[in-house]
Amino acid sequence: MYVLQAAAFGLFALWTEPPGFLLSAVLFGLTAWSIPAIMAAACGDVLGAIADTTGSFDPAFLLAGIVALLGAAGSLFLKT
């Protein structure tokens, strides 16, 4: 899947005529929905492991909240 996405991105950058854009869009469209599904499965595995270990989903949600706050704090240091 990642190889097809790499090809789609490369075609978009290197073949800047309508056929290149069309082929890039087709390749991207073939793979676009695979990554969210893979990530959902991976997150489900990790959250399931946390819930199995602790007996609750509360620690997983607390961890998600902490990481979101760290991301928000980190964004304050981005240059405009």
PDB file of N, CA and C in Angstrom:
ATOM      1  N   MET A   1       0.806  -1.188   0.000  1.00  0.00           N
ATOM      2  CA  MET A   1       0.000   0.000   0.000  1.00  0.00           C
ATOM      3  C   MET A   1       0.860   1.267   0.000  1.00  0.00           C
ATOM      4  N   TYR A   2       1.880   1.257   0.846  1.00  0.00           N
ATOM      5  CA  TYR A   2       2.721   2.452   0.939  1.00  0.00           C
ATOM      6  C   TYR A   2       3.488   2.709  -0.356  1.00  0.00           C
ATOM      7  N   VAL A   3       3.836   1.653  -1.054  1.00  0.00           N
ATOM      8  CA  VAL A   3       4.544   1.818  -2.325  1.00  0.00           C
ATOM      9  C   VAL A   3       3.626   2.487  -3.353  1.00  0.00           C
ATOM     10  N   LEU A   4       2.353   2.093  -3.361  1.00  0.00           N
ATOM     11  CA  LEU A   4       1.412   2.731  -4.281  1.00  0.00           C
ATOM     12  C   LEU A   4       1.214   4.208  -3.923  1.00  0.00           C
ATOM     13  N   GLN A   5       1.152   4.512  -2.632  1.00  0.00           N
ATOM     14  CA  GLN A   5       1.025   5.919  -2.243  1.00  0.00           C
ATOM     15  C   GLN A   5       2.278   6.704  -2.603  1.00  0.00           C
ATOM     16  N   ALA A   6       3.432   6.102  -2.422  1.00  0.00           N
ATOM     17  CA  ALA A   6       4.670   6.781  -2.805  1.00  0.00           C
ATOM     18  C   ALA A   6       4.676   7.062  -4.301  1.00  0.00           C
ATOM     19  N   ALA A   7       4.205   6.112  -5.088  1.00  0.00           N
ATOM     20  CA  ALA A   7       4.138   6.317  -6.534  1.00  0.00           C
ATOM     21  C   ALA A   7       3.148   7.438  -6.874  1.00  0.00           C
ATOM     22  N   ALA A   8       2.018   7.468  -6.174  1.00  0.00           N
ATOM     23  CA  ALA A   8       1.027   8.519  -6.417  1.00  0.00           C
ATOM     24  C   ALA A   8       1.608   9.890  -6.107  1.00  0.00           C
ATOM     25  N   PHE A   9       2.301  10.018  -4.991  1.00  0.00           N
ATOM     26  CA  PHE A   9       2.890  11.304  -4.611  1.00  0.00           C
ATOM     27  C   PHE A   9       3.991  11.701  -5.598  1.00  0.00           C
ATOM     28  N   GLY A  10       4.798  10.723  -5.992  1.00  0.00           N
ATOM     29  CA  GLY A  10       5.882  11.001  -6.932  1.00  0.00           C
ATOM     30  C   GLY A  10       5.354  11.432  -8.293  1.00  0.00           C
ATOM     31  N   LEU A  11       4.322  10.731  -8.772  1.00  0.00           N
ATOM     32  CA  LEU A  11       3.728  11.112 -10.056  1.00  0.00           C
ATOM     33  C   LEU A  11       3.158  12.525 -10.004  1.00  0.00           C
ATOM     34  N   PHE A  12       2.513  12.853  -8.900  1.00  0.00           N
ATOM     35  CA  PHE A  12       1.924  14.183  -8.762  1.00  0.00           C
ATOM     36  C   PHE A  12       2.997  15.267  -8.825  1.00  0.00           C
ATOM     37  N   ALA A  13       4.151  14.986  -8.242  1.00  0.00           N
ATOM     38  CA  ALA A  13       5.229  15.974  -8.222  1.00  0.00           C
ATOM     39  C   ALA A  13       5.998  16.031  -9.541  1.00  0.00           C
ATOM     40  N   LEU A  14       6.162  14.893 -10.193  1.00  0.00           N
ATOM     41  CA  LEU A  14       7.060  14.833 -11.337  1.00  0.00           C
ATOM     42  C   LEU A  14       6.374  14.887 -12.701  1.00  0.00           C
ATOM     43  N   TRP A  15       5.153  14.403 -12.806  1.00  0.00           N
ATOM     44  CA  TRP A  15       4.450  14.399 -14.091  1.00  0.00           C
ATOM     45  C   TRP A  15       3.296  15.395 -13.985  1.00  0.00           C
ATOM     46  N   THR A  16       3.575  16.648 -14.289  1.00  0.00           N
ATOM     47  CA  THR A  16       2.634  17.731 -14.030  1.00  0.00           C
ATOM     48  C   THR A  16       1.733  18.052 -15.215  1.00  0.00           C
ATOM     49  N   GLU A  17       1.304  17.029 -15.893  1.00  0.00           N
ATOM     50  CA  GLU A  17       0.335  17.168 -16.974  1.00  0.00           C
ATOM     51  C   GLU A  17      -0.901  16.355 -16.600  1.00  0.00           C
ATOM     52  N   PRO A  18      -2.051  16.634 -17.217  1.00  0.00           N
ATOM     53  CA  PRO A  18      -3.291  15.949 -16.826  1.00  0.00           C
ATOM     54  C   PRO A  18      -3.205  14.424 -16.729  1.00  0.00           C
ATOM     55  N   PRO A  19      -2.548  13.707 -17.659  1.00  0.00           N
ATOM     56  CA  PRO A  19      -2.474  12.249 -17.483  1.00  0.00           C
ATOM     57  C   PRO A  19      -1.734  11.842 -16.196  1.00  0.00           C
ATOM     58  N   GLY A  20      -0.700  12.597 -15.840  1.00  0.00           N
ATOM     59  CA  GLY A  20       0.035  12.296 -14.607  1.00  0.00           C
ATOM     60  C   GLY A  20      -0.821  12.522 -13.379  1.00  0.00           C
ATOM     61  N   PHE A  21      -1.580  13.618 -13.386  1.00  0.00           N
ATOM     62  CA  PHE A  21      -2.472  13.897 -12.261  1.00  0.00           C
ATOM     63  C   PHE A  21      -3.561  12.841 -12.148  1.00  0.00           C
ATOM     64  N   LEU A  22      -4.086  12.409 -13.284  1.00  0.00           N
ATOM     65  CA  LEU A  22      -5.131  11.386 -13.289  1.00  0.00           C
ATOM     66  C   LEU A  22      -4.603  10.063 -12.742  1.00  0.00           C
ATOM     67  N   LEU A  23      -3.450   9.643 -13.231  1.00  0.00           N
ATOM     68  CA  LEU A  23      -2.863   8.390 -12.742  1.00  0.00           C
ATOM     69  C   LEU A  23      -2.536   8.488 -11.254  1.00  0.00           C
ATOM     70  N   SER A  24      -2.032   9.636 -10.827  1.00  0.00           N
ATOM     71  CA  SER A  24      -1.739   9.852  -9.415  1.00  0.00           C
ATOM     72  C   SER A  24      -3.002   9.723  -8.572  1.00  0.00           C
ATOM     73  N   ALA A  25      -4.091  10.332  -9.039  1.00  0.00           N
ATOM     74  CA  ALA A  25      -5.356  10.271  -8.308  1.00  0.00           C
ATOM     75  C   ALA A  25      -5.892   8.850  -8.233  1.00  0.00           C
ATOM     76  N   VAL A  26      -5.768   8.102  -9.307  1.00  0.00           N
ATOM     77  CA  VAL A  26      -6.241   6.713  -9.308  1.00  0.00           C
ATOM     78  C   VAL A  26      -5.434   5.877  -8.318  1.00  0.00           C
ATOM     79  N   LEU A  27      -4.117   6.004  -8.345  1.00  0.00           N
ATOM     80  CA  LEU A  27      -3.277   5.238  -7.410  1.00  0.00           C
ATOM     81  C   LEU A  27      -3.588   5.614  -5.965  1.00  0.00           C
ATOM     82  N   PHE A  28      -3.741   6.908  -5.716  1.00  0.00           N
ATOM     83  CA  PHE A  28      -4.052   7.337  -4.355  1.00  0.00           C
ATOM     84  C   PHE A  28      -5.417   6.817  -3.929  1.00  0.00           C
ATOM     85  N   GLY A  29      -6.382   6.878  -4.837  1.00  0.00           N
ATOM     86  CA  GLY A  29      -7.720   6.399  -4.522  1.00  0.00           C
ATOM     87  C   GLY A  29      -7.770   4.916  -4.201  1.00  0.00           C
ATOM     88  N   LEU A  30      -6.895   4.136  -4.828  1.00  0.00           N
ATOM     89  CA  LEU A  30      -6.854   2.700  -4.541  1.00  0.00           C
ATOM     90  C   LEU A  30      -6.391   2.403  -3.125  1.00  0.00           C
ATOM     91  N   THR A  31      -5.607   3.307  -2.544  1.00  0.00           N
ATOM     92  CA  THR A  31      -5.009   3.039  -1.231  1.00  0.00           C
ATOM     93  C   THR A  31      -5.497   3.960  -0.125  1.00  0.00           C
ATOM     94  N   ALA A  32      -6.245   4.996  -0.461  1.00  0.00           N
ATOM     95  CA  ALA A  32      -6.574   6.035   0.516  1.00  0.00           C
ATOM     96  C   ALA A  32      -7.294   5.506   1.748  1.00  0.00           C
ATOM     97  N   TRP A  33      -8.131   4.510   1.587  1.00  0.00           N
ATOM     98  CA  TRP A  33      -8.914   4.047   2.732  1.00  0.00           C
ATOM     99  C   TRP A  33      -8.242   2.915   3.493  1.00  0.00           C
ATOM    100  N   SER A  34      -7.097   2.468   3.043  1.00  0.00           N
ATOM    101  CA  SER A  34      -6.434   1.363   3.745  1.00  0.00           C
ATOM    102  C   SER A  34      -5.725   1.827   5.005  1.00  0.00           C
ATOM    103  N   ILE A  35      -5.115   2.994   4.983  1.00  0.00           N
ATOM    104  CA  ILE A  35      -4.351   3.458   6.141  1.00  0.00           C
ATOM    105  C   ILE A  35      -5.254   3.748   7.336  1.00  0.00           C
ATOM    106  N   PRO A  36      -6.414   4.441   7.178  1.00  0.00           N
ATOM    107  CA  PRO A  36      -7.277   4.602   8.352  1.00  0.00           C
ATOM    108  C   PRO A  36      -7.727   3.270   8.947  1.00  0.00           C
ATOM    109  N   ALA A  37      -7.989   2.293   8.091  1.00  0.00           N
ATOM    110  CA  ALA A  37      -8.402   0.981   8.610  1.00  0.00           C
ATOM    111  C   ALA A  37      -7.268   0.305   9.374  1.00  0.00           C
ATOM    112  N   ILE A  38      -6.053   0.409   8.849  1.00  0.00           N
ATOM    113  CA  ILE A  38      -4.894  -0.177   9.538  1.00  0.00           C
ATOM    114  C   ILE A  38      -4.676   0.507  10.878  1.00  0.00           C
ATOM    115  N   MET A  39      -4.777   1.843  10.901  1.00  0.00           N
ATOM    116  CA  MET A  39      -4.570   2.578  12.146  1.00  0.00           C
ATOM    117  C   MET A  39      -5.675   2.288  13.154  1.00  0.00           C
ATOM    118  N   ALA A  40      -6.912   2.135  12.689  1.00  0.00           N
ATOM    119  CA  ALA A  40      -8.008   1.801  13.597  1.00  0.00           C
ATOM    120  C   ALA A  40      -7.774   0.432  14.240  1.00  0.00           C
ATOM    121  N   ALA A  41      -7.309  -0.513  13.458  1.00  0.00           N
ATOM    122  CA  ALA A  41      -7.015  -1.841  14.001  1.00  0.00           C
ATOM    123  C   ALA A  41      -5.863  -1.784  15.001  1.00  0.00           C
ATOM    124  N   ALA A  42      -4.821  -1.010  14.668  1.00  0.00           N
ATOM    125  CA  ALA A  42      -3.681  -0.892  15.580  1.00  0.00           C
ATOM    126  C   ALA A  42      -4.088  -0.218  16.884  1.00  0.00           C
ATOM    127  N   CYS A  43      -4.878   0.851  16.790  1.00  0.00           N
ATOM    128  CA  CYS A  43      -5.342   1.540  17.999  1.00  0.00           C
ATOM    129  C   CYS A  43      -6.227   0.622  18.839  1.00  0.00           C
ATOM    130  N   GLY A  44      -7.075  -0.141  18.160  1.00  0.00           N
ATOM    131  CA  GLY A  44      -7.920  -1.086  18.893  1.00  0.00           C
ATOM    132  C   GLY A  44      -7.104  -2.106  19.650  1.00  0.00           C
ATOM    133  N   ASP A  45      -6.017  -2.571  19.047  1.00  0.00           N
ATOM    134  CA  ASP A  45      -5.141  -3.531  19.728  1.00  0.00           C
ATOM    135  C   ASP A  45      -4.483  -2.909  20.956  1.00  0.00           C
ATOM    136  N   VAL A  46      -3.982  -1.679  20.802  1.00  0.00           N
ATOM    137  CA  VAL A  46      -3.305  -1.014  21.921  1.00  0.00           C
ATOM    138  C   VAL A  46      -4.293  -0.696  23.037  1.00  0.00           C
ATOM    139  N   LEU A  47      -5.460  -0.127  22.669  1.00  0.00           N
ATOM    140  CA  LEU A  47      -6.452   0.198  23.693  1.00  0.00           C
ATOM    141  C   LEU A  47      -6.979  -1.068  24.355  1.00  0.00           C
ATOM    142  N   GLY A  48      -7.142  -2.153  23.566  1.00  0.00           N
ATOM    143  CA  GLY A  48      -7.568  -3.418  24.163  1.00  0.00           C
ATOM    144  C   GLY A  48      -6.555  -3.930  25.143  1.00  0.00           C
ATOM    145  N   ALA A  49      -5.249  -3.771  24.832  1.00  0.00           N
ATOM    146  CA  ALA A  49      -4.203  -4.229  25.754  1.00  0.00           C
ATOM    147  C   ALA A  49      -4.226  -3.417  27.045  1.00  0.00           C
ATOM    148  N   ILE A  50      -4.431  -2.104  26.931  1.00  0.00           N
ATOM    149  CA  ILE A  50      -4.510  -1.266  28.134  1.00  0.00           C
ATOM    150  C   ILE A  50      -5.717  -1.674  28.965  1.00  0.00           C
ATOM    151  N   ALA A  51      -6.857  -1.885  28.313  1.00  0.00           N
ATOM    152  CA  ALA A  51      -8.069  -2.281  29.035  1.00  0.00           C
ATOM    153  C   ALA A  51      -7.912  -3.658  29.668  1.00  0.00           C
ATOM    154  N   ASP A  52      -7.252  -4.571  28.969  1.00  0.00           N
ATOM    155  CA  ASP A  52      -7.036  -5.910  29.532  1.00  0.00           C
ATOM    156  C   ASP A  52      -6.125  -5.842  30.753  1.00  0.00           C
ATOM    157  N   THR A  53      -5.128  -4.967  30.704  1.00  0.00           N
ATOM    158  CA  THR A  53      -4.183  -4.858  31.809  1.00  0.00           C
ATOM    159  C   THR A  53      -4.793  -4.169  33.017  1.00  0.00           C
ATOM    160  N   THR A  54      -5.535  -3.086  32.772  1.00  0.00           N
ATOM    161  CA  THR A  54      -6.048  -2.276  33.880  1.00  0.00           C
ATOM    162  C   THR A  54      -7.487  -2.597  34.253  1.00  0.00           C
ATOM    163  N   GLY A  55      -8.215  -3.300  33.382  1.00  0.00           N
ATOM    164  CA  GLY A  55      -9.606  -3.614  33.651  1.00  0.00           C
ATOM    165  C   GLY A  55     -10.562  -2.488  33.285  1.00  0.00           C
ATOM    166  N   SER A  56     -10.060  -1.440  32.625  1.00  0.00           N
ATOM    167  CA  SER A  56     -10.894  -0.293  32.273  1.00  0.00           C
ATOM    168  C   SER A  56     -10.277   0.452  31.098  1.00  0.00           C
ATOM    169  N   PHE A  57     -11.102   1.208  30.392  1.00  0.00           N
ATOM    170  CA  PHE A  57     -10.600   2.064  29.323  1.00  0.00           C
ATOM    171  C   PHE A  57     -10.177   3.438  29.849  1.00  0.00           C
ATOM    172  N   ASP A  58     -10.443   3.706  31.131  1.00  0.00           N
ATOM    173  CA  ASP A  58     -10.125   5.025  31.698  1.00  0.00           C
ATOM    174  C   ASP A  58      -8.665   5.425  31.511  1.00  0.00           C
ATOM    175  N   PRO A  59      -7.690   4.551  31.792  1.00  0.00           N
ATOM    176  CA  PRO A  59      -6.292   4.963  31.588  1.00  0.00           C
ATOM    177  C   PRO A  59      -5.976   5.303  30.123  1.00  0.00           C
ATOM    178  N   ALA A  60      -6.591   4.598  29.191  1.00  0.00           N
ATOM    179  CA  ALA A  60      -6.347   4.884  27.776  1.00  0.00           C
ATOM    180  C   ALA A  60      -6.876   6.267  27.405  1.00  0.00           C
ATOM    181  N   PHE A  61      -8.067   6.607  27.895  1.00  0.00           N
ATOM    182  CA  PHE A  61      -8.610   7.931  27.611  1.00  0.00           C
ATOM    183  C   PHE A  61      -7.833   9.026  28.334  1.00  0.00           C
ATOM    184  N   LEU A  62      -7.383   8.753  29.542  1.00  0.00           N
ATOM    185  CA  LEU A  62      -6.552   9.716  30.264  1.00  0.00           C
ATOM    186  C   LEU A  62      -5.250   9.952  29.512  1.00  0.00           C
ATOM    187  N   LEU A  63      -4.622   8.896  29.028  1.00  0.00           N
ATOM    188  CA  LEU A  63      -3.402   9.034  28.243  1.00  0.00           C
ATOM    189  C   LEU A  63      -3.661   9.844  26.974  1.00  0.00           C
ATOM    190  N   ALA A  64      -4.771   9.594  26.294  1.00  0.00           N
ATOM    191  CA  ALA A  64      -5.114  10.348  25.087  1.00  0.00           C
ATOM    192  C   ALA A  64      -5.289  11.828  25.404  1.00  0.00           C
ATOM    193  N   GLY A  65      -5.918  12.142  26.538  1.00  0.00           N
ATOM    194  CA  GLY A  65      -6.098  13.537  26.937  1.00  0.00           C
ATOM    195  C   GLY A  65      -4.784  14.226  27.235  1.00  0.00           C
ATOM    196  N   ILE A  66      -3.886  13.516  27.912  1.00  0.00           N
ATOM    197  CA  ILE A  66      -2.572  14.078  28.235  1.00  0.00           C
ATOM    198  C   ILE A  66      -1.775  14.344  26.960  1.00  0.00           C
ATOM    199  N   VAL A  67      -1.795  13.392  26.044  1.00  0.00           N
ATOM    200  CA  VAL A  67      -1.064  13.573  24.784  1.00  0.00           C
ATOM    201  C   VAL A  67      -1.647  14.735  23.993  1.00  0.00           C
ATOM    202  N   ALA A  68      -2.978  14.890  23.989  1.00  0.00           N
ATOM    203  CA  ALA A  68      -3.598  16.016  23.290  1.00  0.00           C
ATOM    204  C   ALA A  68      -3.178  17.340  23.912  1.00  0.00           C
ATOM    205  N   LEU A  69      -3.124  17.399  25.240  1.00  0.00           N
ATOM    206  CA  LEU A  69      -2.669  18.624  25.903  1.00  0.00           C
ATOM    207  C   LEU A  69      -1.212  18.921  25.593  1.00  0.00           C
ATOM    208  N   LEU A  70      -0.380  17.891  25.549  1.00  0.00           N
ATOM    209  CA  LEU A  70       1.021  18.101  25.184  1.00  0.00           C
ATOM    210  C   LEU A  70       1.141  18.619  23.753  1.00  0.00           C
ATOM    211  N   GLY A  71       0.317  18.104  22.862  1.00  0.00           N
ATOM    212  CA  GLY A  71       0.310  18.596  21.486  1.00  0.00           C
ATOM    213  C   GLY A  71      -0.131  20.047  21.414  1.00  0.00           C
ATOM    214  N   ALA A  72      -1.149  20.401  22.199  1.00  0.00           N
ATOM    215  CA  ALA A  72      -1.612  21.787  22.226  1.00  0.00           C
ATOM    216  C   ALA A  72      -0.524  22.705  22.774  1.00  0.00           C
ATOM    217  N   ALA A  73       0.142  22.277  23.844  1.00  0.00           N
ATOM    218  CA  ALA A  73       1.227  23.085  24.416  1.00  0.00           C
ATOM    219  C   ALA A  73       2.381  23.200  23.420  1.00  0.00           C
ATOM    220  N   GLY A  74       2.707  22.115  22.751  1.00  0.00           N
ATOM    221  CA  GLY A  74       3.778  22.142  21.772  1.00  0.00           C
ATOM    222  C   GLY A  74       3.475  23.080  20.598  1.00  0.00           C
ATOM    223  N   SER A  75       2.196  23.188  20.247  1.00  0.00           N
ATOM    224  CA  SER A  75       1.831  24.054  19.131  1.00  0.00           C
ATOM    225  C   SER A  75       2.059  25.526  19.441  1.00  0.00           C
ATOM    226  N   LEU A  76       2.141  25.862  20.709  1.00  0.00           N
ATOM    227  CA  LEU A  76       2.409  27.259  21.086  1.00  0.00           C
ATOM    228  C   LEU A  76       3.811  27.682  20.685  1.00  0.00           C
ATOM    229  N   PHE A  77       4.699  26.738  20.476  1.00  0.00           N
ATOM    230  CA  PHE A  77       6.077  27.040  20.116  1.00  0.00           C
ATOM    231  C   PHE A  77       6.351  27.006  18.614  1.00  0.00           C
ATOM    232  N   LEU A  78       5.312  26.767  17.812  1.00  0.00           N
ATOM    233  CA  LEU A  78       5.475  26.766  16.363  1.00  0.00           C
ATOM    234  C   LEU A  78       5.681  28.183  15.860  1.00  0.00           C
ATOM    235  N   LYS A  79       6.533  28.326  14.880  1.00  0.00           N
ATOM    236  CA  LYS A  79       6.752  29.630  14.282  1.00  0.00           C
ATOM    237  C   LYS A  79       5.629  29.937  13.309  1.00  0.00           C
ATOM    238  N   THR A  80       5.228  31.204  13.253  1.00  0.00           N
ATOM    239  CA  THR A  80       4.158  31.594  12.336  1.00  0.00           C
ATOM    240  C   THR A  80       4.687  31.845  10.951  1.00  0.00           C
TER     241      THR A  80
END
